């Protein structure tokens, strides 16, 4: 049985999302502005986690980890802004290559985004510091939240990765509007990661005492089993949406990315239903 703690859940979401920012950023393909939007989004969530934890159910190891995560995100943001003129190597190569092609075809040297090669690029591994600190807080929060401790920790860490992957996949889909011509490799990676994490997320939520006890009636959901079957629907719909999104991304048209983004919008709702509904039903 697991206690649902809002501060731990919010830290879980921020930690997973920031980890998958590093997963995407390490390829040096996505523009530097994407990192800014992701950091600011999860910074707000981490601050909310800290506020909730300090106000209602303070666990100092978790709150200290939240503070460390917040500080790490701010440092990474500052370094990224300071080195913004360098851009990222993958984006820079695409912009310059396309500009040369247009110039060769038309004889017109069009005005394109310029990068300063004398400035060092943002080191993507700096984005690993925040989630690494966040994991410490998640382990502390998970141990506090349930028994057996190993299962509580497993559910919290797997859930962090699962929710982070699906959220970042949706957010990255929007970035294709900002950066036309971006390779589909980054969004493919996040969508597939969501699919790969779906199975361990399902397993840890079924392990006793888990959702199987809700489905067989051992644990009463107070709605004659309705919430248990709603959870099943979220489980099946999430993996179905992932499969359909992967199929959509195989299409060559640019609109396929927008369709995939819309599908991942729905996947966020069902993925959160899969994780949060289970936690609510198993809350002691």
C-alpha atoms as a PDB file:
ATOM      1  CA  UNK A   1       0.000   0.000   0.000  1.00  0.00           C
ATOM      2  CA  UNK A   2       1.262   3.467  -0.922  1.00  0.00           C
ATOM      3  CA  UNK A   3       0.402   6.872   0.503  1.00  0.00           C
ATOM      4  CA  UNK A   4      -0.221   9.433  -2.244  1.00  0.00           C
ATOM      5  CA  UNK A   5       1.817  12.531  -1.388  1.00  0.00           C
ATOM      6  CA  UNK A   6       1.389  15.544  -3.668  1.00  0.00           C
ATOM      7  CA  UNK A   7       4.903  16.873  -3.018  1.00  0.00           C
ATOM      8  CA  UNK A   8       6.505  13.542  -3.928  1.00  0.00           C
ATOM      9  CA  UNK A   9       4.326  13.231  -7.023  1.00  0.00           C
ATOM     10  CA  UNK A  10       5.254  16.705  -8.268  1.00  0.00           C
ATOM     11  CA  UNK A  11       8.953  16.069  -7.625  1.00  0.00           C
ATOM     12  CA  UNK A  12       8.542  12.752  -9.446  1.00  0.00           C
ATOM     13  CA  UNK A  13       7.111  14.510 -12.493  1.00  0.00           C
ATOM     14  CA  UNK A  14       9.838  17.183 -12.530  1.00  0.00           C
ATOM     15  CA  UNK A  15      12.647  14.660 -12.075  1.00  0.00           C
ATOM     16  CA  UNK A  16      11.457  12.406 -14.899  1.00  0.00           C
ATOM     17  CA  UNK A  17      10.865  15.306 -17.258  1.00  0.00           C
ATOM     18  CA  UNK A  18      14.303  16.814 -16.618  1.00  0.00           C
ATOM     19  CA  UNK A  19      15.954  13.440 -17.165  1.00  0.00           C
ATOM     20  CA  UNK A  20      14.375  13.138 -20.596  1.00  0.00           C
ATOM     21  CA  UNK A  21      15.462  16.682 -21.395  1.00  0.00           C
ATOM     22  CA  UNK A  22      18.994  15.321 -21.122  1.00  0.00           C
ATOM     23  CA  UNK A  23      18.036  12.289 -23.245  1.00  0.00           C
ATOM     24  CA  UNK A  24      16.943  14.643 -26.031  1.00  0.00           C
ATOM     25  CA  UNK A  25      19.613  17.299 -25.528  1.00  0.00           C
ATOM     26  CA  UNK A  26      22.582  14.954 -25.692  1.00  0.00           C
ATOM     27  CA  UNK A  27      22.041  14.456 -29.437  1.00  0.00           C
ATOM     28  CA  UNK A  28      22.669  18.193 -30.058  1.00  0.00           C
ATOM     29  CA  UNK A  29      19.851  18.396 -32.594  1.00  0.00           C
ATOM     30  CA  UNK A  30      17.097  20.386 -30.885  1.00  0.00           C
ATOM     31  CA  UNK A  31      17.452  24.159 -30.628  1.00  0.00           C
ATOM     32  CA  UNK A  32      18.574  25.739 -27.388  1.00  0.00           C
ATOM     33  CA  UNK A  33      15.174  27.341 -26.811  1.00  0.00           C
ATOM     34  CA  UNK A  34      13.620  23.916 -26.288  1.00  0.00           C
ATOM     35  CA  UNK A  35      15.817  23.409 -23.248  1.00  0.00           C
ATOM     36  CA  UNK A  36      14.714  26.776 -21.873  1.00  0.00           C
ATOM     37  CA  UNK A  37      11.019  25.920 -22.171  1.00  0.00           C
ATOM     38  CA  UNK A  38      11.453  22.488 -20.588  1.00  0.00           C
ATOM     39  CA  UNK A  39      13.576  23.772 -17.704  1.00  0.00           C
ATOM     40  CA  UNK A  40      11.156  26.573 -16.915  1.00  0.00           C
ATOM     41  CA  UNK A  41       8.183  24.188 -17.004  1.00  0.00           C
ATOM     42  CA  UNK A  42       9.701  21.700 -14.602  1.00  0.00           C
ATOM     43  CA  UNK A  43      11.228  24.432 -12.472  1.00  0.00           C
ATOM     44  CA  UNK A  44       7.687  25.648 -11.777  1.00  0.00           C
ATOM     45  CA  UNK A  45       6.574  22.113 -10.910  1.00  0.00           C
ATOM     46  CA  UNK A  46       9.564  21.597  -8.596  1.00  0.00           C
ATOM     47  CA  UNK A  47       8.881  24.890  -6.815  1.00  0.00           C
ATOM     48  CA  UNK A  48       5.267  23.838  -6.347  1.00  0.00           C
ATOM     49  CA  UNK A  49       6.476  20.516  -4.917  1.00  0.00           C
ATOM     50  CA  UNK A  50       8.663  22.351  -2.417  1.00  0.00           C
ATOM     51  CA  UNK A  51       5.859  24.697  -1.392  1.00  0.00           C
ATOM     52  CA  UNK A  52       3.433  21.814  -0.902  1.00  0.00           C
ATOM     53  CA  UNK A  53       5.992  19.810   1.051  1.00  0.00           C
ATOM     54  CA  UNK A  54       6.892  22.680   3.365  1.00  0.00           C
ATOM     55  CA  UNK A  55       3.253  23.585   3.918  1.00  0.00           C
ATOM     56  CA  UNK A  56       1.572  20.231   4.540  1.00  0.00           C
ATOM     57  CA  UNK A  57       3.800  17.193   4.981  1.00  0.00           C
ATOM     58  CA  UNK A  58       7.427  18.162   5.396  1.00  0.00           C
ATOM     59  CA  UNK A  59      10.063  15.524   4.742  1.00  0.00           C
ATOM     60  CA  UNK A  60      13.369  17.325   4.961  1.00  0.00           C
ATOM     61  CA  UNK A  61      15.405  14.981   2.769  1.00  0.00           C
ATOM     62  CA  UNK A  62      12.850  15.367  -0.006  1.00  0.00           C
ATOM     63  CA  UNK A  63      12.539  19.118   0.457  1.00  0.00           C
ATOM     64  CA  UNK A  64      16.336  19.513   0.466  1.00  0.00           C
ATOM     65  CA  UNK A  65      16.481  17.501  -2.766  1.00  0.00           C
ATOM     66  CA  UNK A  66      13.794  19.749  -4.254  1.00  0.00           C
ATOM     67  CA  UNK A  67      15.892  22.780  -3.334  1.00  0.00           C
ATOM     68  CA  UNK A  68      18.952  21.189  -4.918  1.00  0.00           C
ATOM     69  CA  UNK A  69      17.012  20.345  -8.071  1.00  0.00           C
ATOM     70  CA  UNK A  70      15.694  23.908  -8.307  1.00  0.00           C
ATOM     71  CA  UNK A  71      19.181  25.362  -7.853  1.00  0.00           C
ATOM     72  CA  UNK A  72      20.611  22.981 -10.472  1.00  0.00           C
ATOM     73  CA  UNK A  73      17.960  23.931 -13.017  1.00  0.00           C
ATOM     74  CA  UNK A  74      18.638  27.631 -12.430  1.00  0.00           C
ATOM     75  CA  UNK A  75      22.388  27.094 -12.921  1.00  0.00           C
ATOM     76  CA  UNK A  76      21.813  25.077 -16.114  1.00  0.00           C
ATOM     77  CA  UNK A  77      19.462  27.776 -17.380  1.00  0.00           C
ATOM     78  CA  UNK A  78      22.008  30.498 -16.672  1.00  0.00           C
ATOM     79  CA  UNK A  79      24.769  28.609 -18.495  1.00  0.00           C
ATOM     80  CA  UNK A  80      22.468  27.926 -21.439  1.00  0.00           C
ATOM     81  CA  UNK A  81      21.492  31.585 -21.755  1.00  0.00           C
ATOM     82  CA  UNK A  82      25.121  32.684 -21.475  1.00  0.00           C
ATOM     83  CA  UNK A  83      26.094  30.340 -24.331  1.00  0.00           C
ATOM     84  CA  UNK A  84      23.004  30.855 -26.475  1.00  0.00           C
ATOM     85  CA  UNK A  85      24.942  32.377 -29.390  1.00  0.00           C
ATOM     86  CA  UNK A  86      26.706  29.066 -29.980  1.00  0.00           C
ATOM     87  CA  UNK A  87      23.429  27.277 -30.692  1.00  0.00           C
ATOM     88  CA  UNK A  88      23.758  23.501 -30.914  1.00  0.00           C
ATOM     89  CA  UNK A  89      25.976  21.651 -33.356  1.00  0.00           C
ATOM     90  CA  UNK A  90      23.265  19.591 -35.073  1.00  0.00           C
ATOM     91  CA  UNK A  91      20.957  22.555 -35.630  1.00  0.00           C
ATOM     92  CA  UNK A  92      23.864  24.732 -36.772  1.00  0.00           C
ATOM     93  CA  UNK A  93      24.943  22.213 -39.389  1.00  0.00           C
ATOM     94  CA  UNK A  94      21.404  21.873 -40.790  1.00  0.00           C
ATOM     95  CA  UNK A  95      20.873  25.650 -41.012  1.00  0.00           C
ATOM     96  CA  UNK A  96      24.231  26.270 -42.660  1.00  0.00           C
ATOM     97  CA  UNK A  97      23.891  23.351 -45.086  1.00  0.00           C
ATOM     98  CA  UNK A  98      20.440  24.436 -46.237  1.00  0.00           C
ATOM     99  CA  UNK A  99      21.559  28.032 -46.595  1.00  0.00           C
ATOM    100  CA  UNK A 100      24.451  26.966 -48.835  1.00  0.00           C
ATOM    101  CA  UNK A 101      22.079  24.836 -50.939  1.00  0.00           C
ATOM    102  CA  UNK A 102      19.666  27.741 -51.453  1.00  0.00           C
ATOM    103  CA  UNK A 103      22.540  30.089 -52.334  1.00  0.00           C
ATOM    104  CA  UNK A 104      23.910  27.600 -54.868  1.00  0.00           C
ATOM    105  CA  UNK A 105      20.500  27.125 -56.497  1.00  0.00           C
ATOM    106  CA  UNK A 106      19.342  30.753 -56.589  1.00  0.00           C
ATOM    107  CA  UNK A 107      22.473  32.837 -56.214  1.00  0.00           C
ATOM    108  CA  UNK A 108      20.745  34.645 -53.336  1.00  0.00           C
ATOM    109  CA  UNK A 109      22.521  34.732 -50.023  1.00  0.00           C
ATOM    110  CA  UNK A 110      19.488  34.785 -47.749  1.00  0.00           C
ATOM    111  CA  UNK A 111      19.575  36.062 -44.198  1.00  0.00           C
ATOM    112  CA  UNK A 112      19.672  33.069 -41.842  1.00  0.00           C
ATOM    113  CA  UNK A 113      20.265  32.490 -38.190  1.00  0.00           C
ATOM    114  CA  UNK A 114      23.903  33.134 -37.347  1.00  0.00           C
ATOM    115  CA  UNK A 115      25.912  31.244 -34.749  1.00  0.00           C
ATOM    116  CA  UNK A 116      29.062  32.270 -32.916  1.00  0.00           C
ATOM    117  CA  UNK A 117      31.589  29.459 -33.141  1.00  0.00           C
ATOM    118  CA  UNK A 118      33.892  31.233 -30.686  1.00  0.00           C
ATOM    119  CA  UNK A 119      31.411  30.563 -27.873  1.00  0.00           C
ATOM    120  CA  UNK A 120      31.399  27.138 -26.250  1.00  0.00           C
ATOM    121  CA  UNK A 121      28.196  25.111 -26.530  1.00  0.00           C
ATOM    122  CA  UNK A 122      26.020  24.315 -23.542  1.00  0.00           C
ATOM    123  CA  UNK A 123      27.254  21.005 -22.018  1.00  0.00           C
ATOM    124  CA  UNK A 124      24.195  18.692 -22.096  1.00  0.00           C
ATOM    125  CA  UNK A 125      25.445  16.612 -19.158  1.00  0.00           C
ATOM    126  CA  UNK A 126      24.754  19.620 -16.936  1.00  0.00           C
ATOM    127  CA  UNK A 127      21.080  18.719 -17.320  1.00  0.00           C
ATOM    128  CA  UNK A 128      21.741  15.411 -15.540  1.00  0.00           C
ATOM    129  CA  UNK A 129      22.549  17.087 -12.219  1.00  0.00           C
ATOM    130  CA  UNK A 130      18.965  18.122 -11.420  1.00  0.00           C
ATOM    131  CA  UNK A 131      17.331  14.697 -11.959  1.00  0.00           C
ATOM    132  CA  UNK A 132      20.185  12.995 -10.093  1.00  0.00           C
ATOM    133  CA  UNK A 133      19.451  15.167  -7.067  1.00  0.00           C
ATOM    134  CA  UNK A 134      15.716  14.660  -7.562  1.00  0.00           C
ATOM    135  CA  UNK A 135      16.125  10.883  -7.334  1.00  0.00           C
ATOM    136  CA  UNK A 136      17.462  11.275  -3.787  1.00  0.00           C
ATOM    137  CA  UNK A 137      14.293  13.086  -2.779  1.00  0.00           C
ATOM    138  CA  UNK A 138      12.114  10.534  -4.559  1.00  0.00           C
ATOM    139  CA  UNK A 139      13.722   7.625  -2.730  1.00  0.00           C
ATOM    140  CA  UNK A 140      13.211   9.403   0.597  1.00  0.00           C
ATOM    141  CA  UNK A 141       9.610  10.219  -0.251  1.00  0.00           C
ATOM    142  CA  UNK A 142       8.917   6.677  -1.450  1.00  0.00           C
ATOM    143  CA  UNK A 143      10.325   5.073   1.693  1.00  0.00           C
ATOM    144  CA  UNK A 144       8.168   7.399   3.763  1.00  0.00           C
ATOM    145  CA  UNK A 145       5.107   6.692   1.638  1.00  0.00           C
ATOM    146  CA  UNK A 146       4.719   2.931   1.736  1.00  0.00           C
ATOM    147  CA  UNK A 147       5.581  -0.590   2.702  1.00  0.00           C
ATOM    148  CA  UNK A 148       7.343  -2.609   1.420  1.00  0.00           C
ATOM    149  CA  UNK A 149       9.878   0.132   0.813  1.00  0.00           C
ATOM    150  CA  UNK A 150      11.436  -1.515  -2.258  1.00  0.00           C
ATOM    151  CA  UNK A 151       8.093  -1.622  -4.051  1.00  0.00           C
ATOM    152  CA  UNK A 152       7.287   1.958  -3.129  1.00  0.00           C
ATOM    153  CA  UNK A 153      10.683   3.091  -4.439  1.00  0.00           C
ATOM    154  CA  UNK A 154      10.252   1.071  -7.640  1.00  0.00           C
ATOM    155  CA  UNK A 155       6.811   2.555  -8.282  1.00  0.00           C
ATOM    156  CA  UNK A 156       8.051   6.075  -7.678  1.00  0.00           C
ATOM    157  CA  UNK A 157      11.168   5.858  -9.866  1.00  0.00           C
ATOM    158  CA  UNK A 158       9.501   3.972 -12.718  1.00  0.00           C
ATOM    159  CA  UNK A 159       6.565   6.377 -12.553  1.00  0.00           C
ATOM    160  CA  UNK A 160       8.926   9.345 -12.732  1.00  0.00           C
ATOM    161  CA  UNK A 161      10.516   8.026 -15.917  1.00  0.00           C
ATOM    162  CA  UNK A 162       7.159   7.053 -17.442  1.00  0.00           C
ATOM    163  CA  UNK A 163       5.466  10.402 -16.816  1.00  0.00           C
ATOM    164  CA  UNK A 164       8.585  12.336 -17.810  1.00  0.00           C
ATOM    165  CA  UNK A 165       8.867  10.528 -21.146  1.00  0.00           C
ATOM    166  CA  UNK A 166       5.241  10.990 -22.165  1.00  0.00           C
ATOM    167  CA  UNK A 167       5.185  14.657 -21.137  1.00  0.00           C
ATOM    168  CA  UNK A 168       8.422  15.510 -22.936  1.00  0.00           C
ATOM    169  CA  UNK A 169       7.227  13.698 -26.068  1.00  0.00           C
ATOM    170  CA  UNK A 170       4.188  15.967 -26.229  1.00  0.00           C
ATOM    171  CA  UNK A 171       6.229  19.116 -25.522  1.00  0.00           C
ATOM    172  CA  UNK A 172       8.853  18.199 -28.108  1.00  0.00           C
ATOM    173  CA  UNK A 173       6.139  17.692 -30.720  1.00  0.00           C
ATOM    174  CA  UNK A 174       5.273  21.381 -30.428  1.00  0.00           C
ATOM    175  CA  UNK A 175       8.896  22.360 -30.934  1.00  0.00           C
ATOM    176  CA  UNK A 176       8.760  21.130 -34.534  1.00  0.00           C
ATOM    177  CA  UNK A 177       6.677  24.220 -35.288  1.00  0.00           C
ATOM    178  CA  UNK A 178       9.549  26.381 -34.045  1.00  0.00           C
ATOM    179  CA  UNK A 179      12.345  24.403 -35.695  1.00  0.00           C
ATOM    180  CA  UNK A 180      11.219  23.225 -39.158  1.00  0.00           C
ATOM    181  CA  UNK A 181      13.397  20.520 -40.607  1.00  0.00           C
ATOM    182  CA  UNK A 182      14.280  19.021 -37.259  1.00  0.00           C
ATOM    183  CA  UNK A 183      14.997  15.310 -37.534  1.00  0.00           C
ATOM    184  CA  UNK A 184      12.280  13.028 -36.202  1.00  0.00           C
ATOM    185  CA  UNK A 185      14.855  11.032 -34.286  1.00  0.00           C
ATOM    186  CA  UNK A 186      14.307  12.895 -30.962  1.00  0.00           C
ATOM    187  CA  UNK A 187      10.524  12.494 -30.911  1.00  0.00           C
ATOM    188  CA  UNK A 188      10.786   8.868 -32.049  1.00  0.00           C
ATOM    189  CA  UNK A 189      13.094   8.257 -29.101  1.00  0.00           C
ATOM    190  CA  UNK A 190      10.707   9.776 -26.544  1.00  0.00           C
ATOM    191  CA  UNK A 191       7.623   8.020 -27.894  1.00  0.00           C
ATOM    192  CA  UNK A 192       9.419   4.675 -27.911  1.00  0.00           C
ATOM    193  CA  UNK A 193      10.723   5.325 -24.397  1.00  0.00           C
ATOM    194  CA  UNK A 194       7.119   5.842 -23.274  1.00  0.00           C
ATOM    195  CA  UNK A 195       6.211   2.494 -24.815  1.00  0.00           C
ATOM    196  CA  UNK A 196       9.177   0.703 -23.263  1.00  0.00           C
ATOM    197  CA  UNK A 197       8.399   2.149 -19.812  1.00  0.00           C
ATOM    198  CA  UNK A 198       4.714   1.221 -20.043  1.00  0.00           C
ATOM    199  CA  UNK A 199       5.435  -2.429 -19.212  1.00  0.00           C
ATOM    200  CA  UNK A 200       7.540  -1.900 -16.039  1.00  0.00           C
ATOM    201  CA  UNK A 201       5.012   0.743 -14.929  1.00  0.00           C
ATOM    202  CA  UNK A 202       2.231  -1.807 -15.341  1.00  0.00           C
ATOM    203  CA  UNK A 203       4.193  -4.526 -13.546  1.00  0.00           C
ATOM    204  CA  UNK A 204       5.067  -2.463 -10.462  1.00  0.00           C
ATOM    205  CA  UNK A 205       1.466  -1.296 -10.140  1.00  0.00           C
ATOM    206  CA  UNK A 206       0.177  -4.877 -10.294  1.00  0.00           C
ATOM    207  CA  UNK A 207       2.627  -6.334  -7.792  1.00  0.00           C
ATOM    208  CA  UNK A 208       0.928  -7.088  -4.455  1.00  0.00           C
ATOM    209  CA  UNK A 209      -0.507  -5.241  -2.823  1.00  0.00           C
ATOM    210  CA  UNK A 210      -1.416  -3.646  -6.120  1.00  0.00           C
ATOM    211  CA  UNK A 211      -4.099  -3.031  -8.696  1.00  0.00           C
ATOM    212  CA  UNK A 212      -4.873  -6.722  -9.059  1.00  0.00           C
ATOM    213  CA  UNK A 213      -6.327  -6.517  -5.549  1.00  0.00           C
ATOM    214  CA  UNK A 214      -8.621  -3.720  -6.731  1.00  0.00           C
ATOM    215  CA  UNK A 215      -9.718  -5.653  -9.805  1.00  0.00           C
ATOM    216  CA  UNK A 216     -10.556  -8.836  -7.865  1.00  0.00           C
ATOM    217  CA  UNK A 217     -12.425  -6.888  -5.178  1.00  0.00           C
ATOM    218  CA  UNK A 218      -9.980  -7.369  -2.303  1.00  0.00           C
ATOM    219  CA  UNK A 219      -9.634  -3.586  -2.180  1.00  0.00           C
ATOM    220  CA  UNK A 220     -12.915  -1.696  -2.491  1.00  0.00           C
ATOM    221  CA  UNK A 221     -12.707   1.355  -4.779  1.00  0.00           C
ATOM    222  CA  UNK A 222     -16.064   2.598  -3.364  1.00  0.00           C
ATOM    223  CA  UNK A 223     -17.525   2.711  -6.888  1.00  0.00           C
ATOM    224  CA  UNK A 224     -18.454  -0.965  -7.366  1.00  0.00           C
ATOM    225  CA  UNK A 225     -15.229  -1.614  -9.258  1.00  0.00           C
ATOM    226  CA  UNK A 226     -15.698   1.230 -11.748  1.00  0.00           C
ATOM    227  CA  UNK A 227     -12.402   2.969 -10.935  1.00  0.00           C
ATOM    228  CA  UNK A 228     -10.519  -0.291 -11.304  1.00  0.00           C
ATOM    229  CA  UNK A 229     -11.858  -0.793 -14.799  1.00  0.00           C
ATOM    230  CA  UNK A 230     -11.241   2.875 -15.600  1.00  0.00           C
ATOM    231  CA  UNK A 231      -7.605   2.180 -14.707  1.00  0.00           C
ATOM    232  CA  UNK A 232      -7.597  -0.814 -17.067  1.00  0.00           C
ATOM    233  CA  UNK A 233      -8.941   1.430 -19.825  1.00  0.00           C
ATOM    234  CA  UNK A 234      -6.135   3.938 -19.173  1.00  0.00           C
ATOM    235  CA  UNK A 235      -3.542   1.159 -19.321  1.00  0.00           C
ATOM    236  CA  UNK A 236      -4.769  -0.202 -22.647  1.00  0.00           C
ATOM    237  CA  UNK A 237      -5.406   3.205 -24.201  1.00  0.00           C
ATOM    238  CA  UNK A 238      -1.928   4.467 -23.300  1.00  0.00           C
ATOM    239  CA  UNK A 239      -0.080   1.682 -25.084  1.00  0.00           C
ATOM    240  CA  UNK A 240      -2.569   1.890 -27.969  1.00  0.00           C
ATOM    241  CA  UNK A 241      -1.846   5.597 -28.397  1.00  0.00           C
ATOM    242  CA  UNK A 242       1.897   4.945 -28.336  1.00  0.00           C
ATOM    243  CA  UNK A 243       1.568   2.342 -31.103  1.00  0.00           C
ATOM    244  CA  UNK A 244      -0.589   4.655 -33.220  1.00  0.00           C
ATOM    245  CA  UNK A 245       1.825   7.562 -32.654  1.00  0.00           C
ATOM    246  CA  UNK A 246       4.772   5.471 -33.833  1.00  0.00           C
ATOM    247  CA  UNK A 247       2.776   4.539 -36.932  1.00  0.00           C
ATOM    248  CA  UNK A 248       1.927   8.206 -37.568  1.00  0.00           C
ATOM    249  CA  UNK A 249       5.574   9.201 -37.381  1.00  0.00           C
ATOM    250  CA  UNK A 250       6.383   6.777 -40.182  1.00  0.00           C
ATOM    251  CA  UNK A 251       4.451   8.995 -42.592  1.00  0.00           C
ATOM    252  CA  UNK A 252       6.627  11.424 -44.546  1.00  0.00           C
ATOM    253  CA  UNK A 253       4.304  14.409 -44.458  1.00  0.00           C
ATOM    254  CA  UNK A 254       5.123  17.162 -41.985  1.00  0.00           C
ATOM    255  CA  UNK A 255       1.556  16.960 -40.658  1.00  0.00           C
ATOM    256  CA  UNK A 256       2.410  13.524 -39.262  1.00  0.00           C
ATOM    257  CA  UNK A 257       4.418  15.177 -36.488  1.00  0.00           C
ATOM    258  CA  UNK A 258       1.464  17.364 -35.559  1.00  0.00           C
ATOM    259  CA  UNK A 259      -0.795  14.322 -35.539  1.00  0.00           C
ATOM    260  CA  UNK A 260       1.692  12.539 -33.295  1.00  0.00           C
ATOM    261  CA  UNK A 261       1.712  15.536 -30.953  1.00  0.00           C
ATOM    262  CA  UNK A 262      -2.070  15.431 -30.675  1.00  0.00           C
ATOM    263  CA  UNK A 263      -1.976  11.720 -29.939  1.00  0.00           C
ATOM    264  CA  UNK A 264       0.605  12.287 -27.209  1.00  0.00           C
ATOM    265  CA  UNK A 265      -1.711  14.896 -25.683  1.00  0.00           C
ATOM    266  CA  UNK A 266      -4.219  12.085 -25.198  1.00  0.00           C
ATOM    267  CA  UNK A 267      -1.470   9.733 -24.021  1.00  0.00           C
ATOM    268  CA  UNK A 268      -0.565  12.168 -21.232  1.00  0.00           C
ATOM    269  CA  UNK A 269      -4.129  12.010 -19.927  1.00  0.00           C
ATOM    270  CA  UNK A 270      -4.262   8.227 -20.011  1.00  0.00           C
ATOM    271  CA  UNK A 271      -0.718   7.793 -18.677  1.00  0.00           C
ATOM    272  CA  UNK A 272      -1.471  10.040 -15.730  1.00  0.00           C
ATOM    273  CA  UNK A 273      -4.690   8.098 -15.233  1.00  0.00           C
ATOM    274  CA  UNK A 274      -2.691   4.868 -15.224  1.00  0.00           C
ATOM    275  CA  UNK A 275      -0.294   6.172 -12.560  1.00  0.00           C
ATOM    276  CA  UNK A 276      -2.412   8.500 -10.426  1.00  0.00           C
ATOM    277  CA  UNK A 277      -5.610   6.442 -10.306  1.00  0.00           C
ATOM    278  CA  UNK A 278      -3.600   3.463  -9.078  1.00  0.00           C
ATOM    279  CA  UNK A 279      -1.949   5.575  -6.391  1.00  0.00           C
ATOM    280  CA  UNK A 280      -5.303   6.926  -5.257  1.00  0.00           C
ATOM    281  CA  UNK A 281      -6.818   3.452  -5.016  1.00  0.00           C
ATOM    282  CA  UNK A 282      -3.794   2.040  -3.206  1.00  0.00           C
ATOM    283  CA  UNK A 283      -3.498   5.016  -0.855  1.00  0.00           C
ATOM    284  CA  UNK A 284      -3.700   3.828   2.733  1.00  0.00           C
END
